Amino acid sequence: MKAKELLMTILKPINRPLTRYVLQRHYSGSKTLSDTKQAGRVLVLAPHMDDETIGPGGVIRRHANEGADVHCVFVTDGSNSVSDLSKEGLMSVRMQEMEQVQHILGITDIRYLGLPDGAVTSSDEARALFHDMIDSLQPDVIYCPSFIDAHPDHTETARILADVLKATDTPDVTIRLYEINCPIPPDYINAVMDISTTVSDKERAISTFSSQAIAFDGFLELNRLKSHLTRADARAVEVFFEPSVAAFIQHCDYLSAYKHAFPHLFKQANRTDTLLWAIYKNINRKRRLYAQSLKQ
């Protein structure tokens, strides 16, 4: 056992209760629960296969339970994830996993754009793919990764969407930015969705991702801890930053100058044992980036 893993094992009996205590206070609030807006057509933009589950998986199931058509679009080919498999083998296994997840979460349709994993950019090709997809689906709600994120593919997915919305007649659409590995500061969470009835579906979906050599427990722990953001009787929630279309475009335009620093500034929040580090690492810088990008 490596020294770091040994230290984490020794500290776990202390670390986990401390993490829960600190983060319950961090996420303490009285925010009102948001709803699904009774959306009939939902578009989920997922840079990689599993992002749709890690982020809005419980809400996807809620939309499906209400009879919405949920279209999930995977931006990359998923060939560069952490795994012992070859790239071709990994892509094949991940698509098989997504067939199971599609059934569990009630996703209507899955599309693969096939952009190179780890090298997504707002190119002419990428913008054309996004434009055609949005034009054909005419979604009521678009779920997209937050721009401030430690993974460049996540950031660039938001960048492409903003560029497409900027260049077209702005549709009457709700944009909800979801967390993957870089939690949104509580002050900028303005949509809190109760997933108490669907969190078990999210857990089942996460359990299918056997091809991934990373931990997922931190994401589920955060779903439970963030229930303290509301005084409503919710045992698990998913949270979003829901800007207007104009504010979303401004947010992405401003932050583009800083995006190359994000992988060094912020840490992935996938493990319960390192949640405090992931959430508080450069948190004041993160808050300033949100605040400055949204100034009128």
Protein backbone atom coordinates (compact mmCIF):
# COMPACT_ATOMS: atom_id res chain seq x y z
CA MET A 1 0.00 0.00 0.00
CA LYS A 2 1.36 3.41 -0.98
CA ALA A 3 2.13 5.89 1.80
CA LYS A 4 -0.66 8.24 0.70
CA GLU A 5 -3.24 5.44 0.67
CA LEU A 6 -2.01 4.19 4.05
CA LEU A 7 -2.36 7.67 5.56
CA MET A 8 -5.89 8.02 4.17
CA THR A 9 -6.84 4.64 5.64
CA ILE A 10 -5.48 5.62 9.06
CA LEU A 11 -7.26 8.98 9.03
CA LYS A 12 -10.60 7.70 7.64
CA PRO A 13 -12.33 7.24 11.05
CA ILE A 14 -11.61 10.91 11.79
CA ASN A 15 -11.77 12.34 8.30
CA ARG A 16 -15.24 11.22 7.29
CA PRO A 17 -17.13 12.60 10.30
CA LEU A 18 -15.11 15.81 10.05
CA THR A 19 -15.87 16.09 6.33
CA ARG A 20 -19.59 15.68 6.93
CA TYR A 21 -19.61 18.18 9.77
CA VAL A 22 -17.75 20.86 7.81
CA LEU A 23 -19.69 20.38 4.58
CA GLN A 24 -23.08 20.35 6.28
CA ARG A 25 -22.22 23.83 7.47
CA HIS A 26 -20.78 24.80 4.06
CA TYR A 27 -24.04 23.79 2.37
CA SER A 28 -26.38 25.09 5.06
CA GLY A 29 -29.15 27.25 3.66
CA SER A 30 -32.84 27.79 3.03
CA LYS A 31 -33.02 27.66 -0.75
CA THR A 32 -36.35 26.82 -2.36
CA LEU A 33 -36.53 23.59 -4.29
CA SER A 34 -36.76 23.95 -8.08
CA ASP A 35 -38.86 21.79 -10.37
CA THR A 36 -38.43 20.18 -13.78
CA LYS A 37 -40.34 23.01 -15.49
CA GLN A 38 -42.53 20.23 -16.91
CA ALA A 39 -40.11 20.13 -19.82
CA GLY A 40 -41.22 18.00 -22.74
CA ARG A 41 -37.82 17.86 -24.46
CA VAL A 42 -34.58 17.71 -22.48
CA LEU A 43 -31.05 17.80 -23.87
CA VAL A 44 -28.16 16.59 -21.73
CA LEU A 45 -24.68 17.48 -22.97
CA ALA A 46 -22.15 15.05 -21.50
CA PRO A 47 -18.47 15.33 -22.43
CA HIS A 48 -17.87 11.70 -21.41
CA MET A 49 -19.91 8.59 -20.76
CA ASP A 50 -20.73 8.79 -17.02
CA ASP A 51 -20.88 12.61 -16.77
CA GLU A 52 -24.65 12.47 -17.39
CA THR A 53 -25.02 10.22 -14.34
CA ILE A 54 -22.50 11.91 -12.04
CA GLY A 55 -24.07 15.32 -12.69
CA PRO A 56 -27.83 15.30 -13.37
CA GLY A 57 -28.52 11.55 -13.23
CA GLY A 58 -31.27 11.81 -10.61
CA VAL A 59 -32.93 14.72 -12.40
CA ILE A 60 -32.78 12.86 -15.72
CA ARG A 61 -34.80 10.08 -14.12
CA ARG A 62 -37.26 12.65 -12.76
CA HIS A 63 -37.76 14.12 -16.24
CA ALA A 64 -38.25 10.62 -17.65
CA ASN A 65 -40.78 9.77 -14.93
CA GLU A 66 -42.79 12.81 -16.01
CA GLY A 67 -42.85 11.59 -19.61
CA ALA A 68 -40.22 13.93 -21.05
CA ASP A 69 -38.09 12.95 -24.02
CA VAL A 70 -34.53 12.99 -22.69
CA HIS A 71 -31.80 13.15 -25.31
CA CYS A 72 -28.25 12.53 -24.09
CA VAL A 73 -25.38 13.60 -26.32
CA PHE A 74 -21.85 12.40 -25.63
CA VAL A 75 -19.37 14.92 -26.93
CA THR A 76 -16.20 12.79 -26.94
CA ASP A 77 -15.43 9.23 -27.95
CA GLY A 78 -14.54 8.41 -24.32
CA SER A 79 -11.31 6.71 -25.30
CA ASN A 80 -9.00 8.55 -22.90
CA SER A 81 -10.49 7.70 -19.52
CA VAL A 82 -8.62 6.03 -16.67
CA SER A 83 -8.70 2.30 -17.45
CA ASP A 84 -6.50 -0.74 -18.02
CA LEU A 85 -8.28 -1.44 -21.33
CA SER A 86 -7.06 -0.43 -24.78
CA LYS A 87 -8.70 2.66 -26.30
CA GLU A 88 -10.80 0.56 -28.66
CA GLY A 89 -11.76 -1.86 -25.90
CA LEU A 90 -12.62 0.97 -23.54
CA MET A 91 -14.88 2.67 -26.10
CA SER A 92 -16.73 -0.59 -26.74
CA VAL A 93 -17.21 -1.40 -23.04
CA ARG A 94 -18.35 2.13 -22.21
CA MET A 95 -21.00 2.03 -24.93
CA GLN A 96 -22.26 -1.25 -23.51
CA GLU A 97 -22.41 0.32 -20.06
CA MET A 98 -24.38 3.23 -21.47
CA GLU A 99 -27.01 0.85 -22.86
CA GLN A 100 -27.66 -0.23 -19.28
CA VAL A 101 -27.61 3.35 -17.98
CA GLN A 102 -30.01 4.45 -20.70
CA HIS A 103 -32.57 1.97 -19.38
CA ILE A 104 -31.94 2.78 -15.71
CA LEU A 105 -32.28 6.56 -16.14
CA GLY A 106 -35.02 6.45 -18.77
CA ILE A 107 -33.02 8.22 -21.48
CA THR A 108 -34.97 8.35 -24.74
CA ASP A 109 -32.10 8.67 -27.16
CA ILE A 110 -28.30 8.61 -27.12
CA ARG A 111 -26.01 10.26 -29.65
CA TYR A 112 -22.24 10.14 -29.98
CA LEU A 113 -20.49 13.13 -31.53
CA GLY A 114 -17.12 11.37 -31.40
CA LEU A 115 -14.86 14.38 -30.76
CA PRO A 116 -11.40 13.40 -29.48
CA ASP A 117 -11.39 12.69 -25.76
CA GLY A 118 -9.13 15.21 -24.03
CA ALA A 119 -8.95 17.59 -26.99
CA VAL A 120 -12.40 19.18 -27.31
CA THR A 121 -12.36 22.73 -28.69
CA SER A 122 -14.94 25.15 -30.03
CA SER A 123 -14.08 24.40 -33.64
CA ASP A 124 -16.23 24.93 -36.72
CA GLU A 125 -17.00 21.21 -36.72
CA ALA A 126 -18.00 21.13 -33.05
CA ARG A 127 -20.20 24.23 -33.33
CA ALA A 128 -21.92 22.82 -36.43
CA LEU A 129 -22.65 19.55 -34.61
CA PHE A 130 -24.11 21.41 -31.61
CA HIS A 131 -26.13 23.76 -33.79
CA ASP A 132 -27.69 20.96 -35.83
CA MET A 133 -28.49 19.00 -32.70
CA ILE A 134 -30.18 21.92 -30.91
CA ASP A 135 -32.01 22.97 -34.07
CA SER A 136 -33.44 19.49 -34.59
CA LEU A 137 -34.35 18.78 -30.97
CA GLN A 138 -35.61 22.24 -29.94
CA PRO A 139 -35.11 21.41 -26.25
CA ASP A 140 -36.95 23.14 -23.43
CA VAL A 141 -34.05 22.56 -21.00
CA ILE A 142 -30.35 22.01 -21.72
CA TYR A 143 -28.14 20.48 -19.04
CA CYS A 144 -24.50 21.35 -19.63
CA PRO A 145 -21.32 21.03 -17.50
CA SER A 146 -20.29 24.14 -15.63
CA PHE A 147 -17.59 26.21 -17.33
CA ILE A 148 -15.42 26.34 -14.22
CA ASP A 149 -14.18 22.77 -14.09
CA ALA A 150 -10.89 20.94 -13.69
CA HIS A 151 -11.32 18.98 -16.94
CA PRO A 152 -10.81 20.93 -20.21
CA ASP A 153 -13.41 18.81 -22.08
CA HIS A 154 -16.05 19.88 -19.56
CA THR A 155 -15.13 23.53 -19.89
CA GLU A 156 -15.04 23.37 -23.68
CA THR A 157 -18.46 21.74 -23.87
CA ALA A 158 -19.89 24.83 -22.17
CA ARG A 159 -17.79 27.07 -24.45
CA ILE A 160 -19.18 25.41 -27.60
CA LEU A 161 -22.76 25.75 -26.37
CA ALA A 162 -22.25 29.43 -25.56
CA ASP A 163 -20.71 30.08 -28.99
CA VAL A 164 -23.63 28.39 -30.73
CA LEU A 165 -26.24 30.30 -28.73
CA LYS A 166 -24.38 33.52 -29.41
CA ALA A 167 -24.40 32.96 -33.17
CA THR A 168 -28.06 32.02 -33.51
CA ASP A 169 -31.41 33.48 -32.57
CA THR A 170 -31.55 32.76 -28.87
CA PRO A 171 -34.10 30.00 -28.32
CA ASP A 172 -36.54 30.05 -25.43
CA VAL A 173 -34.51 27.54 -23.47
CA THR A 174 -33.46 27.03 -19.87
CA ILE A 175 -29.74 26.44 -19.33
CA ARG A 176 -28.77 24.46 -16.26
CA LEU A 177 -25.06 24.04 -15.59
CA TYR A 178 -24.32 20.92 -13.62
CA GLU A 179 -21.38 19.86 -11.48
CA ILE A 180 -19.10 17.03 -12.45
CA ASN A 181 -15.81 17.33 -10.63
CA CYS A 182 -15.71 20.98 -9.61
CA PRO A 183 -18.51 21.93 -7.16
CA ILE A 184 -20.34 25.22 -7.66
CA PRO A 185 -19.99 27.67 -4.74
CA PRO A 186 -23.24 27.69 -2.73
CA ASP A 187 -23.88 31.39 -3.44
CA TYR A 188 -24.17 30.57 -7.16
CA ILE A 189 -26.40 27.54 -6.80
CA ASN A 190 -29.84 28.78 -7.83
CA ALA A 191 -31.57 25.52 -8.74
CA VAL A 192 -31.81 22.76 -6.14
CA MET A 193 -33.57 19.61 -7.34
CA ASP A 194 -34.89 16.95 -4.97
CA ILE A 195 -33.76 13.50 -6.11
CA SER A 196 -34.87 11.59 -3.00
CA THR A 197 -37.06 9.30 -5.13
CA THR A 198 -34.49 8.78 -7.88
CA VAL A 199 -31.12 8.70 -6.08
CA SER A 200 -31.33 4.90 -5.96
CA ASP A 201 -31.54 4.90 -9.78
CA LYS A 202 -28.49 7.16 -9.88
CA GLU A 203 -26.62 4.76 -7.59
CA ARG A 204 -27.56 1.81 -9.83
CA ALA A 205 -26.38 3.70 -12.90
CA ILE A 206 -23.07 4.59 -11.26
CA SER A 207 -22.53 0.94 -10.31
CA THR A 208 -22.54 -0.04 -14.00
CA PHE A 209 -19.36 1.92 -14.75
CA SER A 210 -16.97 -0.95 -14.05
CA SER A 211 -14.64 0.19 -16.86
CA GLN A 212 -13.64 3.25 -14.87
CA ALA A 213 -10.67 3.05 -12.52
CA ILE A 214 -11.81 5.98 -10.38
CA ALA A 215 -13.98 6.29 -7.28
CA PHE A 216 -17.51 7.70 -7.46
CA ASP A 217 -18.48 7.76 -3.78
CA GLY A 218 -17.72 11.47 -3.35
CA PHE A 219 -20.34 12.49 -5.90
CA LEU A 220 -23.07 10.59 -4.06
CA GLU A 221 -21.89 11.90 -0.69
CA LEU A 222 -22.24 15.44 -2.03
CA ASN A 223 -25.79 14.71 -3.20
CA ARG A 224 -26.66 13.86 0.39
CA LEU A 225 -24.72 16.72 2.01
CA LYS A 226 -26.21 19.34 -0.30
CA SER A 227 -29.69 18.49 0.96
CA HIS A 228 -28.80 20.92 3.78
CA LEU A 229 -29.10 23.76 1.25
CA THR A 230 -32.87 23.56 1.68
CA ARG A 231 -35.14 23.18 4.67
CA ALA A 232 -37.41 20.95 2.61
CA ASP A 233 -37.59 17.26 3.46
CA ALA A 234 -35.07 16.03 0.88
CA ARG A 235 -32.49 13.36 1.62
CA ALA A 236 -30.55 13.91 -1.62
CA VAL A 237 -30.39 16.74 -4.14
CA GLU A 238 -28.65 17.75 -7.35
CA VAL A 239 -27.74 21.39 -7.75
CA PHE A 240 -27.26 23.69 -10.72
CA PHE A 241 -26.28 27.18 -11.74
CA GLU A 242 -29.14 28.40 -13.92
CA PRO A 243 -28.20 31.66 -15.69
CA SER A 244 -30.17 33.39 -18.41
CA VAL A 245 -28.90 32.66 -21.91
CA ALA A 246 -27.32 36.13 -22.06
CA ALA A 247 -25.66 35.68 -18.66
CA PHE A 248 -24.39 32.25 -19.68
CA ILE A 249 -22.75 33.66 -22.80
CA GLN A 250 -21.18 36.52 -20.81
CA HIS A 251 -20.00 34.05 -18.15
CA CYS A 252 -18.22 31.87 -20.73
CA ASP A 253 -16.80 34.80 -22.69
CA TYR A 254 -15.22 36.30 -19.59
CA LEU A 255 -13.85 33.04 -18.23
CA SER A 256 -12.25 31.91 -21.49
CA ALA A 257 -9.15 33.94 -20.66
CA TYR A 258 -8.66 31.92 -17.45
CA LYS A 259 -9.71 28.41 -18.48
CA HIS A 260 -6.19 27.06 -19.07
CA ALA A 261 -5.44 27.47 -15.35
CA PHE A 262 -8.49 25.55 -14.14
CA PRO A 263 -6.90 22.04 -14.12
CA HIS A 264 -4.18 23.38 -11.78
CA LEU A 265 -6.44 25.60 -9.68
CA PHE A 266 -9.14 23.06 -8.86
CA LYS A 267 -9.37 19.43 -7.78
CA GLN A 268 -11.77 16.66 -8.74
CA ALA A 269 -14.44 15.95 -6.11
CA ASN A 270 -14.93 12.25 -6.71
CA ARG A 271 -13.72 10.75 -3.41
CA THR A 272 -15.32 11.31 -0.01
CA ASP A 273 -11.92 11.10 1.66
CA THR A 274 -10.64 14.13 -0.28
CA LEU A 275 -13.84 16.21 -0.51
CA LEU A 276 -12.63 18.95 1.80
CA TRP A 277 -9.52 19.42 -0.32
CA ALA A 278 -11.55 19.38 -3.54
CA ILE A 279 -14.12 21.91 -2.34
CA TYR A 280 -11.87 24.34 -0.51
CA LYS A 281 -8.90 24.34 -2.87
CA ASN A 282 -8.76 27.92 -4.21
CA ILE A 283 -12.40 28.43 -3.28
CA ASN A 284 -12.02 32.20 -2.95
CA ARG A 285 -10.52 32.35 -6.43
CA LYS A 286 -13.46 30.33 -7.72
CA ARG A 287 -15.95 32.68 -6.07
CA ARG A 288 -14.23 35.69 -7.63
CA LEU A 289 -14.33 34.09 -11.07
CA TYR A 290 -18.07 33.54 -10.76
CA ALA A 291 -18.67 37.04 -9.44
CA GLN A 292 -16.52 38.83 -12.04
CA SER A 293 -17.94 36.83 -14.95
CA LEU A 294 -21.50 37.79 -14.05
CA LYS A 295 -21.03 41.52 -13.45
CA GLN A 296 -23.34 43.70 -15.49
